[in-house]
Every structure is written in C-alpha cells, then in structure tokens.
Amino acid sequence: MSKKYIINGWSWSMPRPENGILVYHTIRESEFKLMAENAVSCVSHPAIANILDIPCTTNHIRLNVGDTILAVYTKGGKLAHEARALPDHITLEFKCIKILEEL
C-alpha cells in the first residue's frame, strides 16, 4: 500500500528501493495543500510545521515503490525554530518525489 509523507528536505541517500525510477518536480503551494491531505508528517523543523499547521515529528521512514514524498524547503535563508510566520526574505518551496517502480 502506497503512502504519502511530508518532509522538510530530501536527500538522495534516504532509504528507498535499491533500483527504481524516481520522479522529482516542483509543485505550487496550492498543489501541496491538496496532496498533503492524509499524508504522514515527518517534518522535524518546528517553524515549518507551525507555518504549515502540521505536526512536528521525528518519524523515520523507509520509502517503497508507490510512495510519494512532499518535501518543503526554505528559500532565502533559515527559519528560526520559534518562527510562526515567514519573514519577508524567506519563501517556501515545495517538491513532489514519487517512486514509480523498482527496476
């Protein structure tokens, strides 16, 4: 059964199937919000979790074929952990990563 996860950053070294096709693309915030419904939060940065109104957790995941990752990045600087809103010079960028199949 495929799963959806929200994370605050993506690393190509994350545990995933040994061989497979990954699709990685930028999405708009509106797309992110629609796709984030029923997703498991693995966002460990408290400010990002607060701004997106999702739980802040330290869940560890292992990706499988069919899973979707919604990654959130800051652009323009780092957020203070206690931030409740984005400063003018920082924006959020959203990526969607899908594991389509194992080769």
PDB file of N, CA and C in Angstrom:
ATOM      1  N   MET A   1       0.844  -1.181   0.000  1.00  0.00           N
ATOM      2  CA  MET A   1       0.000   0.000   0.000  1.00  0.00           C
ATOM      3  C   MET A   1       0.889   1.245   0.000  1.00  0.00           C
ATOM      4  N   SER A   2       0.654   2.130  -0.953  1.00  0.00           N
ATOM      5  CA  SER A   2       1.496   3.320  -1.043  1.00  0.00           C
ATOM      6  C   SER A   2       1.117   4.327   0.039  1.00  0.00           C
ATOM      7  N   LYS A   3       2.121   5.139   0.418  1.00  0.00           N
ATOM      8  CA  LYS A   3       1.947   6.128   1.469  1.00  0.00           C
ATOM      9  C   LYS A   3       2.424   7.477   0.983  1.00  0.00           C
ATOM     10  N   LYS A   4       1.951   8.536   1.662  1.00  0.00           N
ATOM     11  CA  LYS A   4       2.408   9.902   1.400  1.00  0.00           C
ATOM     12  C   LYS A   4       3.042  10.442   2.671  1.00  0.00           C
ATOM     13  N   TYR A   5       4.188  11.091   2.493  1.00  0.00           N
ATOM     14  CA  TYR A   5       4.916  11.673   3.613  1.00  0.00           C
ATOM     15  C   TYR A   5       5.228  13.131   3.317  1.00  0.00           C
ATOM     16  N   ILE A   6       5.195  13.964   4.351  1.00  0.00           N
ATOM     17  CA  ILE A   6       5.644  15.348   4.246  1.00  0.00           C
ATOM     18  C   ILE A   6       6.963  15.440   5.006  1.00  0.00           C
ATOM     19  N   ILE A   7       7.984  15.969   4.341  1.00  0.00           N
ATOM     20  CA  ILE A   7       9.292  16.107   4.973  1.00  0.00           C
ATOM     21  C   ILE A   7       9.815  17.522   4.740  1.00  0.00           C
ATOM     22  N   ASN A   8      10.774  17.927   5.559  1.00  0.00           N
ATOM     23  CA  ASN A   8      11.396  19.238   5.350  1.00  0.00           C
ATOM     24  C   ASN A   8      12.816  19.046   4.834  1.00  0.00           C
ATOM     25  N   GLY A   9      12.891  18.533   3.642  1.00  0.00           N
ATOM     26  CA  GLY A   9      14.179  18.323   2.993  1.00  0.00           C
ATOM     27  C   GLY A   9      14.266  16.908   2.443  1.00  0.00           C
ATOM     28  N   TRP A  10      14.989  16.772   1.363  1.00  0.00           N
ATOM     29  CA  TRP A  10      15.142  15.481   0.705  1.00  0.00           C
ATOM     30  C   TRP A  10      16.610  15.215   0.503  1.00  0.00           C
ATOM     31  N   SER A  11      17.018  14.000   0.741  1.00  0.00           N
ATOM     32  CA  SER A  11      18.388  13.579   0.481  1.00  0.00           C
ATOM     33  C   SER A  11      18.342  12.328  -0.384  1.00  0.00           C
ATOM     34  N   TRP A  12      19.190  12.291  -1.386  1.00  0.00           N
ATOM     35  CA  TRP A  12      19.220  11.105  -2.252  1.00  0.00           C
ATOM     36  C   TRP A  12      19.731   9.882  -1.496  1.00  0.00           C
ATOM     37  N   SER A  13      20.244  10.071  -0.291  1.00  0.00           N
ATOM     38  CA  SER A  13      20.711   8.926   0.499  1.00  0.00           C
ATOM     39  C   SER A  13      19.622   8.364   1.411  1.00  0.00           C
ATOM     40  N   MET A  14      18.393   8.900   1.320  1.00  0.00           N
ATOM     41  CA  MET A  14      17.305   8.370   2.146  1.00  0.00           C
ATOM     42  C   MET A  14      17.044   6.918   1.785  1.00  0.00           C
ATOM     43  N   PRO A  15      16.709   6.085   2.772  1.00  0.00           N
ATOM     44  CA  PRO A  15      16.416   4.674   2.466  1.00  0.00           C
ATOM     45  C   PRO A  15      15.253   4.559   1.485  1.00  0.00           C
ATOM     46  N   ARG A  16      15.471   3.823   0.412  1.00  0.00           N
ATOM     47  CA  ARG A  16      14.464   3.627  -0.630  1.00  0.00           C
ATOM     48  C   ARG A  16      14.811   2.343  -1.377  1.00  0.00           C
ATOM     49  N   PRO A  17      13.958   1.885  -2.279  1.00  0.00           N
ATOM     50  CA  PRO A  17      14.301   0.685  -3.044  1.00  0.00           C
ATOM     51  C   PRO A  17      15.663   0.833  -3.724  1.00  0.00           C
ATOM     52  N   GLU A  18      16.400  -0.255  -3.804  1.00  0.00           N
ATOM     53  CA  GLU A  18      17.753  -0.230  -4.380  1.00  0.00           C
ATOM     54  C   GLU A  18      17.780   0.321  -5.803  1.00  0.00           C
ATOM     55  N   ASN A  19      16.835  -0.097  -6.629  1.00  0.00           N
ATOM     56  CA  ASN A  19      16.775   0.329  -8.022  1.00  0.00           C
ATOM     57  C   ASN A  19      15.353   0.751  -8.319  1.00  0.00           C
ATOM     58  N   GLY A  20      15.202   1.882  -8.932  1.00  0.00           N
ATOM     59  CA  GLY A  20      13.857   2.327  -9.248  1.00  0.00           C
ATOM     60  C   GLY A  20      13.867   3.647  -9.968  1.00  0.00           C
ATOM     61  N   ILE A  21      12.695   4.044 -10.364  1.00  0.00           N
ATOM     62  CA  ILE A  21      12.527   5.309 -11.061  1.00  0.00           C
ATOM     63  C   ILE A  21      11.915   6.305 -10.090  1.00  0.00           C
ATOM     64  N   LEU A  22      12.618   7.409  -9.884  1.00  0.00           N
ATOM     65  CA  LEU A  22      12.121   8.493  -9.039  1.00  0.00           C
ATOM     66  C   LEU A  22      11.742   9.657  -9.934  1.00  0.00           C
ATOM     67  N   VAL A  23      10.585  10.245  -9.688  1.00  0.00           N
ATOM     68  CA  VAL A  23      10.160  11.438 -10.396  1.00  0.00           C
ATOM     69  C   VAL A  23      10.165  12.566  -9.378  1.00  0.00           C
ATOM     70  N   TYR A  24      10.807  13.671  -9.717  1.00  0.00           N
ATOM     71  CA  TYR A  24      11.061  14.775  -8.791  1.00  0.00           C
ATOM     72  C   TYR A  24      10.697  16.060  -9.504  1.00  0.00           C
ATOM     73  N   HIS A  25       9.741  16.815  -8.969  1.00  0.00           N
ATOM     74  CA  HIS A  25       9.388  18.075  -9.607  1.00  0.00           C
ATOM     75  C   HIS A  25       8.855  19.087  -8.602  1.00  0.00           C
ATOM     76  N   THR A  26       8.906  20.356  -8.991  1.00  0.00           N
ATOM     77  CA  THR A  26       8.407  21.447  -8.161  1.00  0.00           C
ATOM     78  C   THR A  26       6.896  21.529  -8.307  1.00  0.00           C
ATOM     79  N   ILE A  27       6.216  21.791  -7.176  1.00  0.00           N
ATOM     80  CA  ILE A  27       4.772  21.980  -7.203  1.00  0.00           C
ATOM     81  C   ILE A  27       4.437  23.314  -6.526  1.00  0.00           C
ATOM     82  N   ARG A  28       3.255  23.830  -6.829  1.00  0.00           N
ATOM     83  CA  ARG A  28       2.787  25.063  -6.192  1.00  0.00           C
ATOM     84  C   ARG A  28       2.261  24.747  -4.793  1.00  0.00           C
ATOM     85  N   GLU A  29       2.180  25.779  -3.961  1.00  0.00           N
ATOM     86  CA  GLU A  29       1.674  25.592  -2.601  1.00  0.00           C
ATOM     87  C   GLU A  29       0.245  25.047  -2.615  1.00  0.00           C
ATOM     88  N   SER A  30      -0.566  25.501  -3.546  1.00  0.00           N
ATOM     89  CA  SER A  30      -1.947  25.009  -3.630  1.00  0.00           C
ATOM     90  C   SER A  30      -1.972  23.506  -3.943  1.00  0.00           C
ATOM     91  N   GLU A  31      -1.085  23.050  -4.817  1.00  0.00           N
ATOM     92  CA  GLU A  31      -0.986  21.615  -5.114  1.00  0.00           C
ATOM     93  C   GLU A  31      -0.516  20.847  -3.884  1.00  0.00           C
ATOM     94  N   PHE A  32       0.472  21.422  -3.184  1.00  0.00           N
ATOM     95  CA  PHE A  32       0.979  20.801  -1.972  1.00  0.00           C
ATOM     96  C   PHE A  32      -0.154  20.586  -0.975  1.00  0.00           C
ATOM     97  N   LYS A  33      -0.955  21.627  -0.754  1.00  0.00           N
ATOM     98  CA  LYS A  33      -2.035  21.531   0.237  1.00  0.00           C
ATOM     99  C   LYS A  33      -3.032  20.434  -0.129  1.00  0.00           C
ATOM    100  N   LEU A  34      -3.357  20.314  -1.394  1.00  0.00           N
ATOM    101  CA  LEU A  34      -4.271  19.249  -1.825  1.00  0.00           C
ATOM    102  C   LEU A  34      -3.637  17.874  -1.640  1.00  0.00           C
ATOM    103  N   MET A  35      -2.388  17.755  -2.028  1.00  0.00           N
ATOM    104  CA  MET A  35      -1.696  16.467  -1.951  1.00  0.00           C
ATOM    105  C   MET A  35      -1.381  16.075  -0.508  1.00  0.00           C
ATOM    106  N   ALA A  36      -1.272  17.058   0.390  1.00  0.00           N
ATOM    107  CA  ALA A  36      -0.877  16.790   1.776  1.00  0.00           C
ATOM    108  C   ALA A  36      -1.992  16.169   2.620  1.00  0.00           C
ATOM    109  N   GLU A  37      -3.207  16.169   2.107  1.00  0.00           N
ATOM    110  CA  GLU A  37      -4.300  15.556   2.856  1.00  0.00           C
ATOM    111  C   GLU A  37      -3.993  14.079   3.094  1.00  0.00           C
ATOM    112  N   ASN A  38      -4.141  13.653   4.320  1.00  0.00           N
ATOM    113  CA  ASN A  38      -3.896  12.263   4.737  1.00  0.00           C
ATOM    114  C   ASN A  38      -2.434  11.828   4.615  1.00  0.00           C
ATOM    115  N   ALA A  39      -1.529  12.779   4.503  1.00  0.00           N
ATOM    116  CA  ALA A  39      -0.108  12.439   4.466  1.00  0.00           C
ATOM    117  C   ALA A  39       0.439  12.381   5.889  1.00  0.00           C
ATOM    118  N   VAL A  40       1.460  11.562   6.085  1.00  0.00           N
ATOM    119  CA  VAL A  40       2.122  11.436   7.383  1.00  0.00           C
ATOM    120  C   VAL A  40       3.179  12.525   7.495  1.00  0.00           C
ATOM    121  N   SER A  41       3.109  13.325   8.555  1.00  0.00           N
ATOM    122  CA  SER A  41       4.105  14.371   8.747  1.00  0.00           C
ATOM    123  C   SER A  41       5.386  13.780   9.318  1.00  0.00           C
ATOM    124  N   CYS A  42       6.485  14.083   8.649  1.00  0.00           N
ATOM    125  CA  CYS A  42       7.826  13.747   9.131  1.00  0.00           C
ATOM    126  C   CYS A  42       8.640  15.038   9.185  1.00  0.00           C
ATOM    127  N   VAL A  43       7.952  16.153   9.378  1.00  0.00           N
ATOM    128  CA  VAL A  43       8.581  17.472   9.438  1.00  0.00           C
ATOM    129  C   VAL A  43       9.168  17.649  10.829  1.00  0.00           C
ATOM    130  N   SER A  44      10.475  17.831  10.889  1.00  0.00           N
ATOM    131  CA  SER A  44      11.161  17.943  12.182  1.00  0.00           C
ATOM    132  C   SER A  44      11.504  19.384  12.552  1.00  0.00           C
ATOM    133  N   HIS A  45      11.253  20.327  11.663  1.00  0.00           N
ATOM    134  CA  HIS A  45      11.548  21.735  11.952  1.00  0.00           C
ATOM    135  C   HIS A  45      10.273  22.380  12.498  1.00  0.00           C
ATOM    136  N   PRO A  46      10.302  22.835  13.771  1.00  0.00           N
ATOM    137  CA  PRO A  46       9.081  23.353  14.388  1.00  0.00           C
ATOM    138  C   PRO A  46       8.460  24.539  13.661  1.00  0.00           C
ATOM    139  N   ALA A  47       9.267  25.437  13.105  1.00  0.00           N
ATOM    140  CA  ALA A  47       8.710  26.600  12.422  1.00  0.00           C
ATOM    141  C   ALA A  47       7.980  26.190  11.145  1.00  0.00           C
ATOM    142  N   ILE A  48       8.565  25.294  10.370  1.00  0.00           N
ATOM    143  CA  ILE A  48       7.902  24.833   9.152  1.00  0.00           C
ATOM    144  C   ILE A  48       6.590  24.137   9.507  1.00  0.00           C
ATOM    145  N   ALA A  49       6.618  23.304  10.542  1.00  0.00           N
ATOM    146  CA  ALA A  49       5.393  22.630  10.986  1.00  0.00           C
ATOM    147  C   ALA A  49       4.341  23.652  11.412  1.00  0.00           C
ATOM    148  N   ASN A  50       4.740  24.679  12.157  1.00  0.00           N
ATOM    149  CA  ASN A  50       3.795  25.715  12.591  1.00  0.00           C
ATOM    150  C   ASN A  50       3.200  26.460  11.412  1.00  0.00           C
ATOM    151  N   ILE A  51       4.029  26.852  10.476  1.00  0.00           N
ATOM    152  CA  ILE A  51       3.565  27.628   9.322  1.00  0.00           C
ATOM    153  C   ILE A  51       2.606  26.808   8.467  1.00  0.00           C
ATOM    154  N   LEU A  52       2.887  25.521   8.315  1.00  0.00           N
ATOM    155  CA  LEU A  52       2.028  24.651   7.505  1.00  0.00           C
ATOM    156  C   LEU A  52       0.872  24.061   8.305  1.00  0.00           C
ATOM    157  N   ASP A  53       0.860  24.295   9.617  1.00  0.00           N
ATOM    158  CA  ASP A  53      -0.173  23.773  10.508  1.00  0.00           C
ATOM    159  C   ASP A  53      -0.261  22.238  10.435  1.00  0.00           C
ATOM    160  N   ILE A  54       0.917  21.615  10.571  1.00  0.00           N
ATOM    161  CA  ILE A  54       1.014  20.152  10.605  1.00  0.00           C
ATOM    162  C   ILE A  54       1.856  19.754  11.823  1.00  0.00           C
ATOM    163  N   PRO A  55       1.762  18.501  12.253  1.00  0.00           N
ATOM    164  CA  PRO A  55       2.555  18.078  13.412  1.00  0.00           C
ATOM    165  C   PRO A  55       4.057  18.131  13.135  1.00  0.00           C
ATOM    166  N   CYS A  56       4.810  18.461  14.166  1.00  0.00           N
ATOM    167  CA  CYS A  56       6.265  18.415  14.127  1.00  0.00           C
ATOM    168  C   CYS A  56       6.682  17.086  14.754  1.00  0.00           C
ATOM    169  N   THR A  57       7.343  16.243  13.981  1.00  0.00           N
ATOM    170  CA  THR A  57       7.710  14.914  14.459  1.00  0.00           C
ATOM    171  C   THR A  57       9.117  14.555  14.028  1.00  0.00           C
ATOM    172  N   THR A  58       9.608  13.490  14.571  1.00  0.00           N
ATOM    173  CA  THR A  58      10.901  12.940  14.140  1.00  0.00           C
ATOM    174  C   THR A  58      10.699  11.519  13.618  1.00  0.00           C
ATOM    175  N   ASN A  59       9.592  11.305  12.913  1.00  0.00           N
ATOM    176  CA  ASN A  59       9.325   9.992  12.322  1.00  0.00           C
ATOM    177  C   ASN A  59      10.435   9.613  11.351  1.00  0.00           C
ATOM    178  N   HIS A  60      10.816   8.362  11.362  1.00  0.00           N
ATOM    179  CA  HIS A  60      11.773   7.837  10.393  1.00  0.00           C
ATOM    180  C   HIS A  60      10.996   6.950   9.434  1.00  0.00           C
ATOM    181  N   ILE A  61      11.330   7.063   8.169  1.00  0.00           N
ATOM    182  CA  ILE A  61      10.585   6.313   7.162  1.00  0.00           C
ATOM    183  C   ILE A  61      11.527   5.522   6.268  1.00  0.00           C
ATOM    184  N   ARG A  62      10.979   4.497   5.678  1.00  0.00           N
ATOM    185  CA  ARG A  62      11.655   3.755   4.615  1.00  0.00           C
ATOM    186  C   ARG A  62      10.721   3.801   3.423  1.00  0.00           C
ATOM    187  N   LEU A  63      11.219   4.314   2.318  1.00  0.00           N
ATOM    188  CA  LEU A  63      10.390   4.500   1.144  1.00  0.00           C
ATOM    189  C   LEU A  63      10.230   3.210   0.363  1.00  0.00           C
ATOM    190  N   ASN A  64       9.063   3.041  -0.209  1.00  0.00           N
ATOM    191  CA  ASN A  64       8.743   1.877  -1.019  1.00  0.00           C
ATOM    192  C   ASN A  64       8.168   2.320  -2.353  1.00  0.00           C
ATOM    193  N   VAL A  65       8.146   1.419  -3.303  1.00  0.00           N
ATOM    194  CA  VAL A  65       7.557   1.698  -4.607  1.00  0.00           C
ATOM    195  C   VAL A  65       6.116   2.152  -4.399  1.00  0.00           C
ATOM    196  N   GLY A  66       5.735   3.229  -5.067  1.00  0.00           N
ATOM    197  CA  GLY A  66       4.393   3.775  -4.955  1.00  0.00           C
ATOM    198  C   GLY A  66       4.270   4.915  -3.966  1.00  0.00           C
ATOM    199  N   ASP A  67       5.258   5.102  -3.096  1.00  0.00           N
ATOM    200  CA  ASP A  67       5.204   6.169  -2.095  1.00  0.00           C
ATOM    201  C   ASP A  67       5.420   7.539  -2.734  1.00  0.00           C
ATOM    202  N   THR A  68       4.864   8.551  -2.083  1.00  0.00           N
ATOM    203  CA  THR A  68       5.004   9.938  -2.511  1.00  0.00           C
ATOM    204  C   THR A  68       5.583  10.749  -1.363  1.00  0.00           C
ATOM    205  N   ILE A  69       6.563  11.564  -1.679  1.00  0.00           N
ATOM    206  CA  ILE A  69       7.177  12.464  -0.712  1.00  0.00           C
ATOM    207  C   ILE A  69       6.822  13.889  -1.110  1.00  0.00           C
ATOM    208  N   LEU A  70       6.346  14.646  -0.158  1.00  0.00           N
ATOM    209  CA  LEU A  70       6.119  16.073  -0.349  1.00  0.00           C
ATOM    210  C   LEU A  70       7.170  16.783   0.483  1.00  0.00           C
ATOM    211  N   ALA A  71       8.153  17.351  -0.184  1.00  0.00           N
ATOM    212  CA  ALA A  71       9.279  17.979   0.509  1.00  0.00           C
ATOM    213  C   ALA A  71       9.098  19.491   0.519  1.00  0.00           C
ATOM    214  N   VAL A  72       9.382  20.092   1.675  1.00  0.00           N
ATOM    215  CA  VAL A  72       9.264  21.532   1.860  1.00  0.00           C
ATOM    216  C   VAL A  72      10.653  22.086   2.162  1.00  0.00           C
ATOM    217  N   TYR A  73      11.039  23.117   1.429  1.00  0.00           N
ATOM    218  CA  TYR A  73      12.337  23.759   1.606  1.00  0.00           C
ATOM    219  C   TYR A  73      12.141  25.241   1.880  1.00  0.00           C
ATOM    220  N   THR A  74      13.062  25.829   2.613  1.00  0.00           N
ATOM    221  CA  THR A  74      13.078  27.280   2.733  1.00  0.00           C
ATOM    222  C   THR A  74      14.000  27.834   1.655  1.00  0.00           C
ATOM    223  N   LYS A  75      13.608  28.959   1.112  1.00  0.00           N
ATOM    224  CA  LYS A  75      14.399  29.626   0.087  1.00  0.00           C
ATOM    225  C   LYS A  75      14.633  31.054   0.548  1.00  0.00           C
ATOM    226  N   GLY A  76      15.903  31.447   0.650  1.00  0.00           N
ATOM    227  CA  GLY A  76      16.232  32.802   1.062  1.00  0.00           C
ATOM    228  C   GLY A  76      16.817  32.898   2.452  1.00  0.00           C
ATOM    229  N   GLY A  77      16.998  31.760   3.113  1.00  0.00           N
ATOM    230  CA  GLY A  77      17.589  31.770   4.444  1.00  0.00           C
ATOM    231  C   GLY A  77      16.997  30.693   5.329  1.00  0.00           C
ATOM    232  N   LYS A  78      17.471  30.666   6.557  1.00  0.00           N
ATOM    233  CA  LYS A  78      16.993  29.690   7.531  1.00  0.00           C
ATOM    234  C   LYS A  78      15.933  30.325   8.421  1.00  0.00           C
ATOM    235  N   LEU A  79      14.989  29.503   8.826  1.00  0.00           N
ATOM    236  CA  LEU A  79      13.947  29.954   9.745  1.00  0.00           C
ATOM    237  C   LEU A  79      14.379  29.718  11.178  1.00  0.00           C
ATOM    238  N   ALA A  80      14.080  30.670  12.042  1.00  0.00           N
ATOM    239  CA  ALA A  80      14.288  30.452  13.473  1.00  0.00           C
ATOM    240  C   ALA A  80      13.289  29.387  13.926  1.00  0.00           C
ATOM    241  N   HIS A  81      13.700  28.526  14.821  1.00  0.00           N
ATOM    242  CA  HIS A  81      12.841  27.432  15.280  1.00  0.00           C
ATOM    243  C   HIS A  81      11.538  27.927  15.878  1.00  0.00           C
ATOM    244  N   GLU A  82      11.538  29.114  16.450  1.00  0.00           N
ATOM    245  CA  GLU A  82      10.332  29.621  17.107  1.00  0.00           C
ATOM    246  C   GLU A  82       9.451  30.455  16.169  1.00  0.00           C
ATOM    247  N   ALA A  83       9.810  30.573  14.890  1.00  0.00           N
ATOM    248  CA  ALA A  83       9.036  31.389  13.945  1.00  0.00           C
ATOM    249  C   ALA A  83       7.611  30.852  13.790  1.00  0.00           C
ATOM    250  N   ARG A  84       6.672  31.767  13.689  1.00  0.00           N
ATOM    251  CA  ARG A  84       5.256  31.419  13.481  1.00  0.00           C
ATOM    252  C   ARG A  84       4.767  31.872  12.104  1.00  0.00           C
ATOM    253  N   ALA A  85       5.602  32.663  11.427  1.00  0.00           N
ATOM    254  CA  ALA A  85       5.286  33.155  10.089  1.00  0.00           C
ATOM    255  C   ALA A  85       6.595  33.317   9.325  1.00  0.00           C
ATOM    256  N   LEU A  86       6.483  33.397   8.017  1.00  0.00           N
ATOM    257  CA  LEU A  86       7.678  33.579   7.184  1.00  0.00           C
ATOM    258  C   LEU A  86       8.119  35.029   7.193  1.00  0.00           C
ATOM    259  N   PRO A  87       9.402  35.294   7.426  1.00  0.00           N
ATOM    260  CA  PRO A  87       9.913  36.658   7.251  1.00  0.00           C
ATOM    261  C   PRO A  87       9.818  37.035   5.771  1.00  0.00           C
ATOM    262  N   ASP A  88       9.861  38.322   5.482  1.00  0.00           N
ATOM    263  CA  ASP A  88       9.704  38.795   4.100  1.00  0.00           C
ATOM    264  C   ASP A  88      10.725  38.207   3.136  1.00  0.00           C
ATOM    265  N   HIS A  89      11.939  37.925   3.596  1.00  0.00           N
ATOM    266  CA  HIS A  89      13.003  37.468   2.703  1.00  0.00           C
ATOM    267  C   HIS A  89      13.026  35.943   2.506  1.00  0.00           C
ATOM    268  N   ILE A  90      12.151  35.215   3.176  1.00  0.00           N
ATOM    269  CA  ILE A  90      12.137  33.747   3.062  1.00  0.00           C
ATOM    270  C   ILE A  90      10.808  33.286   2.464  1.00  0.00           C
ATOM    271  N   THR A  91      10.902  32.338   1.541  1.00  0.00           N
ATOM    272  CA  THR A  91       9.714  31.701   0.976  1.00  0.00           C
ATOM    273  C   THR A  91       9.844  30.201   1.141  1.00  0.00           C
ATOM    274  N   LEU A  92       8.743  29.506   0.966  1.00  0.00           N
ATOM    275  CA  LEU A  92       8.763  28.048   0.986  1.00  0.00           C
ATOM    276  C   LEU A  92       8.689  27.535  -0.441  1.00  0.00           C
ATOM    277  N   GLU A  93       9.440  26.479  -0.695  1.00  0.00           N
ATOM    278  CA  GLU A  93       9.428  25.815  -1.991  1.00  0.00           C
ATOM    279  C   GLU A  93       8.967  24.383  -1.754  1.00  0.00           C
ATOM    280  N   PHE A  94       8.158  23.876  -2.660  1.00  0.00           N
ATOM    281  CA  PHE A  94       7.562  22.554  -2.495  1.00  0.00           C
ATOM    282  C   PHE A  94       7.977  21.639  -3.645  1.00  0.00           C
ATOM    283  N   LYS A  95       8.349  20.424  -3.306  1.00  0.00           N
ATOM    284  CA  LYS A  95       8.739  19.414  -4.281  1.00  0.00           C
ATOM    285  C   LYS A  95       7.896  18.167  -4.059  1.00  0.00           C
ATOM    286  N   CYS A  96       7.631  17.468  -5.132  1.00  0.00           N
ATOM    287  CA  CYS A  96       6.945  16.183  -5.071  1.00  0.00           C
ATOM    288  C   CYS A  96       7.897  15.138  -5.628  1.00  0.00           C
ATOM    289  N   ILE A  97       8.142  14.095  -4.845  1.00  0.00           N
ATOM    290  CA  ILE A  97       9.015  13.000  -5.279  1.00  0.00           C
ATOM    291  C   ILE A  97       8.177  11.722  -5.233  1.00  0.00           C
ATOM    292  N   LYS A  98       8.127  11.026  -6.343  1.00  0.00           N
ATOM    293  CA  LYS A  98       7.361   9.775  -6.405  1.00  0.00           C
ATOM    294  C   LYS A  98       8.294   8.640  -6.797  1.00  0.00           C
ATOM    295  N   ILE A  99       8.103   7.510  -6.145  1.00  0.00           N
ATOM    296  CA  ILE A  99       8.844   6.310  -6.501  1.00  0.00           C
ATOM    297  C   ILE A  99       7.899   5.474  -7.350  1.00  0.00           C
ATOM    298  N   LEU A 100       8.160   5.444  -8.643  1.00  0.00           N
ATOM    299  CA  LEU A 100       7.216   4.845  -9.574  1.00  0.00           C
ATOM    300  C   LEU A 100       7.322   3.334  -9.678  1.00  0.00           C
ATOM    301  N   GLU A 101       8.533   2.830  -9.775  1.00  0.00           N
ATOM    302  CA  GLU A 101       8.682   1.379  -9.904  1.00  0.00           C
ATOM    303  C   GLU A 101      10.096   0.968  -9.570  1.00  0.00           C
ATOM    304  N   GLU A 102      10.235  -0.270  -9.227  1.00  0.00           N
ATOM    305  CA  GLU A 102      11.557  -0.818  -8.960  1.00  0.00           C
ATOM    306  C   GLU A 102      12.040  -1.522 -10.212  1.00  0.00           C
ATOM    307  N   LEU A 103      13.278  -1.288 -10.581  1.00  0.00           N
ATOM    308  CA  LEU A 103      13.840  -1.918 -11.791  1.00  0.00           C
ATOM    309  C   LEU A 103      14.407  -3.282 -11.474  1.00  0.00           C
TER     310      LEU A 103
END
